[in-house]
Protein backbone atom coordinates (compact mmCIF):
# COMPACT_ATOMS: atom_id res chain seq x y z
CA MET A 1 0.11 -0.25 -0.13
CA LEU A 2 2.19 2.37 0.73
CA ASP A 3 4.44 1.99 -2.24
CA TYR A 4 1.99 2.27 -4.41
CA VAL A 5 0.37 5.15 -2.87
CA SER A 6 3.43 7.01 -2.76
CA ASP A 7 4.04 6.74 -6.54
CA TYR A 8 0.27 8.13 -6.62
CA VAL A 9 0.54 11.25 -5.02
CA SER A 10 3.63 11.94 -6.23
CA GLU A 11 2.48 11.47 -9.95
CA ARG A 12 -1.25 12.75 -9.43
CA ARG A 13 -1.35 16.50 -10.39
CA ALA A 14 -3.94 18.54 -9.26
CA PHE A 15 -3.66 23.05 -9.91
CA GLY A 16 -0.39 22.29 -11.43
CA GLU A 17 1.95 20.38 -9.15
CA PRO A 18 1.63 17.13 -7.61
CA ILE A 19 -0.52 15.80 -4.85
CA ALA A 20 2.62 14.89 -3.07
CA ASP A 21 3.26 18.64 -2.23
CA ARG A 22 -0.20 19.48 -0.37
CA GLN A 23 1.12 19.33 3.64
CA ALA A 24 -2.29 16.43 4.22
CA VAL A 25 -1.12 14.09 2.07
CA ALA A 26 2.13 14.23 2.54
CA PHE A 27 0.98 13.94 6.16
CA ALA A 28 -1.38 11.06 5.57
CA VAL A 29 1.63 8.67 3.46
CA ALA A 30 4.00 9.75 6.58
CA ASN A 31 1.67 7.75 9.09
CA ILE A 32 1.00 5.18 6.53
CA ALA A 33 4.50 4.14 7.17
CA ILE A 34 4.76 5.55 10.55
CA GLU A 35 2.58 2.68 11.25
CA LEU A 36 4.02 0.01 9.00
CA ASP A 37 6.91 0.01 11.62
CA GLY A 38 5.21 0.35 14.58
CA LEU A 39 3.26 -2.71 13.24
CA ARG A 40 6.52 -4.83 12.07
CA LEU A 41 8.56 -4.40 15.48
CA ALA A 42 5.28 -5.37 17.35
CA THR A 43 5.88 -8.94 14.59
CA TYR A 44 9.01 -9.00 15.70
CA ARG A 45 9.34 -8.71 18.82
CA ALA A 46 6.94 -11.61 18.77
CA ALA A 47 8.90 -12.95 16.71
CA ALA A 48 12.10 -13.26 18.39
CA ARG A 49 10.73 -14.49 21.72
CA VAL A 50 9.69 -18.04 19.95
CA ASP A 51 12.91 -17.65 18.75
CA ARG A 52 14.33 -17.37 22.36
CA GLY A 53 11.63 -19.96 23.12
CA LEU A 54 10.43 -17.58 25.59
CA GLU A 55 6.64 -17.37 26.51
CA PHE A 56 5.11 -15.56 23.73
CA HIS A 57 1.37 -16.07 23.67
CA ARG A 58 0.35 -12.31 24.65
CA GLU A 59 2.77 -10.99 21.34
CA VAL A 60 1.45 -12.88 19.17
CA ALA A 61 -2.25 -11.66 20.14
CA LEU A 62 -0.99 -7.96 20.64
CA ALA A 63 0.37 -8.12 17.17
CA ARG A 64 -2.34 -10.15 15.93
CA GLN A 65 -4.64 -7.58 16.77
CA LEU A 66 -2.74 -4.30 16.35
CA CYS A 67 -1.58 -5.46 12.89
CA ALA A 68 -6.07 -6.46 11.98
CA THR A 69 -7.47 -2.76 13.14
CA ARG A 70 -4.14 -0.99 12.28
CA ALA A 71 -4.22 -2.85 8.40
CA MET A 72 -7.59 -1.58 8.04
CA ALA A 73 -6.92 1.84 8.81
CA ILE A 74 -4.22 1.53 6.36
CA GLY A 75 -6.33 0.51 3.84
CA SER A 76 -8.66 2.67 4.63
CA ASP A 77 -5.97 6.24 4.16
CA GLY A 78 -4.64 4.63 1.23
CA VAL A 79 -8.44 4.48 -0.43
CA GLN A 80 -8.35 8.25 0.80
CA LEU A 81 -5.18 9.31 -0.91
CA LEU A 82 -6.87 8.41 -3.69
CA GLY A 83 -9.93 9.73 -3.89
CA GLY A 84 -12.37 9.07 -6.24
CA HIS A 85 -9.64 6.68 -8.16
CA GLY A 86 -9.44 4.54 -4.85
CA TYR A 87 -12.87 3.15 -5.64
CA VAL A 88 -12.35 1.52 -9.10
CA LYS A 89 -11.06 -1.55 -9.97
CA GLU A 90 -7.86 -0.07 -12.60
CA HIS A 91 -5.95 0.36 -8.72
CA PRO A 92 -4.98 -2.75 -7.21
CA VAL A 93 -6.10 -0.42 -3.88
CA GLU A 94 -9.33 -0.88 -3.70
CA ARG A 95 -9.21 -4.93 -3.00
CA TRP A 96 -6.41 -4.45 -0.93
CA TYR A 97 -8.77 -2.56 1.45
CA ARG A 98 -11.71 -5.15 1.11
CA ASP A 99 -9.23 -7.64 2.09
CA LEU A 100 -7.76 -6.13 4.54
CA ARG A 101 -11.22 -5.20 6.19
CA ALA A 102 -12.49 -8.99 5.93
CA ALA A 103 -9.31 -9.93 7.92
CA GLY A 104 -10.05 -7.47 10.75
CA MET A 105 -13.48 -8.85 10.72
CA LEU A 106 -11.53 -12.43 11.10
CA GLU A 107 -9.10 -11.54 13.57
CA GLY A 108 -12.36 -10.79 16.74
CA GLY A 109 -13.50 -14.89 16.20
CA LEU A 110 -9.27 -16.15 16.20
CA LEU A 111 -8.21 -14.81 19.33
CA VAL A 112 -10.49 -16.41 21.60
């Protein structure tokens, strides 16, 4: 999502300039990058505990929950950054968003 959205906002022009030059757009892309780094760190922390043979169930559950909920927000932001193009099938963002929504809804049932 981050790679695709970054390229899109750099190429898409409005009012004679790339929309990436707009502060709100730049902040939204930066927030996606920050969220992704946080999700990676939570996942790596859980994986490190597994590798070391330590108790890991709490960290795995936290990483799964974070990834499910924050990934939905990242997908929503990606769709918003593409504007009307975020809802058409010519861009993969709409599919990614639908998949992320489904994964997020399933997550609640998996952590029983």
